[in-house]
Amino acid sequence: MALAKSAQAQGSWTWRPQAGRLEIEAPSGTPLSDLGGVWSLDALDKMLEGLSRGRLTRAFASGDGSVLCPLRLSNGQDVHLVGAFIGETEARGMLLTGEKFPEFDPEELKPGPDLVPVYQPIISLRDGRVVGFEALARWNGPGLSTPPSRWEDQALASNMLIRAAETLSELRRSARRDDLFMHVNLTARELTKSTIPALIDALTNSYQLPERAIRIELTEQAALRDETKTLACAMALKAVGAGLVLDDFGTGHSSFAWLADLPFDSLKIDHGLTAKLGQARTDTILSTITLLAQRLGMSTTAEGVEKREDAGRLRALGFDNAQGFAFSKGIDAKAALKFLKG
C-alpha cells in the first residue's frame, strides 16, 4: 500500500507521569493546532471521539517501552502519538496525522540506477567476527561524489533505508547470522520527516527483522539544531523498533546531558580520537568513555581504525567493536556476504 498522502508530522508531545500532564506542541495553522498546550488526560479525553477515549491512559499505563496510540478527535481528525518512554520520568514522541499509520510499497521508492550503496563491516573486538555493517551512499557516474541534484534528503534517506533493510535481510539469511545489524545515517532534517518512523516500521515487519536490527546513526551536532524536536523524533524511532547510535562522539559539545536525555543503544567514537590512540591522555579519555557507556547499557565502536595492531589496544580500553580500513573499506552486498563467510 502506498504512503497515506494525508500523513505528515504535525508537532511533538511530552508525557510527564508524575505531574499527570501531556504537553503538546502543535504549530498554529495546522490540523492539530487546537491540541497545543498542557493537558490532563481527562481533559484531553473530552476532545476525542468516543472509541478513542481511554486509549491514552492505557498507552501510558505501563510507564516504559513504546507508545503507539491512534486517536480520533471529536471533529473527525485522526492523529497518532508515536514515541517512547525516557526512563520513568517522561515519554516523548511525534504527532502524525492521517487515517492510518503510513504504509509503504518499496516498489514505489526504488532508487535510481546511479545510487549504489556500499557496506562497511563492523568487527567485534572480542572474537574478530563481523557483527554488523554501516550502509554508505555511493553514486555511479563521472564526478558523482555527491548526490545528483534530483535527490532530495527525503528520497535519499528512504532509499538508503530500503536498500539497507533488503541487504541486511539477505545477509542474515544467506550467512545464517540472525545477530547481524545495519547502521544507516540520518541528518537532522531527515530525522524530522514523519515518513521515516513509518518506513522503518514497514521494513522491519516486511523483512521480519528484530528490534534494533536497523540502527540509526545520529550526530550530536545535527541534533543540537533543535534538541526538543530531535528528541521527539528519536523516541518515535525507538517506538518502531529502530536502534539509536550516537555518532562522532568526542567532537563538538559531546554533551553528557544528551546521553542522559536519550537512551542510545551504542556510541561511535570519532576517528579524530581513534587516530590519537596510544597517547596517555587520549587513552584515559577513551577508557572513561567506554566505562560510562557500559554502565549506561550501551555498546561502543571505534571508527576510522587504520591499523590492525590497534585492535588489541582498543579492546584493552573497553571497546566492543571497531570499524575502518584496517578491516575493510565499504563493499557491495555480494562482497559483504563473501566477507561474512570468509
Foldseek 3Di string as FASTA:
>chain_A
DAWFPQKWFFWKWKAFVVVQKIATDGDPPDPCNVVHDIDHLVVVLVQFDDVLRPQVVVQCVVQWAWGWGWTAGPVGWIKTFTFTHQHNGMIMATIITDPDLTAHDVVVLADDPFWAWFWFFKAFLVPGATQETEIDTGGDDPPPRDDDPVDDQQSVQLNSVVVQLVLLLVLCVVLVPLRYAYEYEHALVNLLISVVLNSLLNSCVVSVRAAQSYEYEYEVVRCVVDVRSNLRSVRSNVNSRHAYEHEQQPDDPNDVVSCSSHLHQAYEHHQVLVVVPPDPVSLVVLLVVLVVCVVSNHAYEYEADDAPVCSVVNVVSNHGIYTHVNQHDTHGSVVVSVSNVD
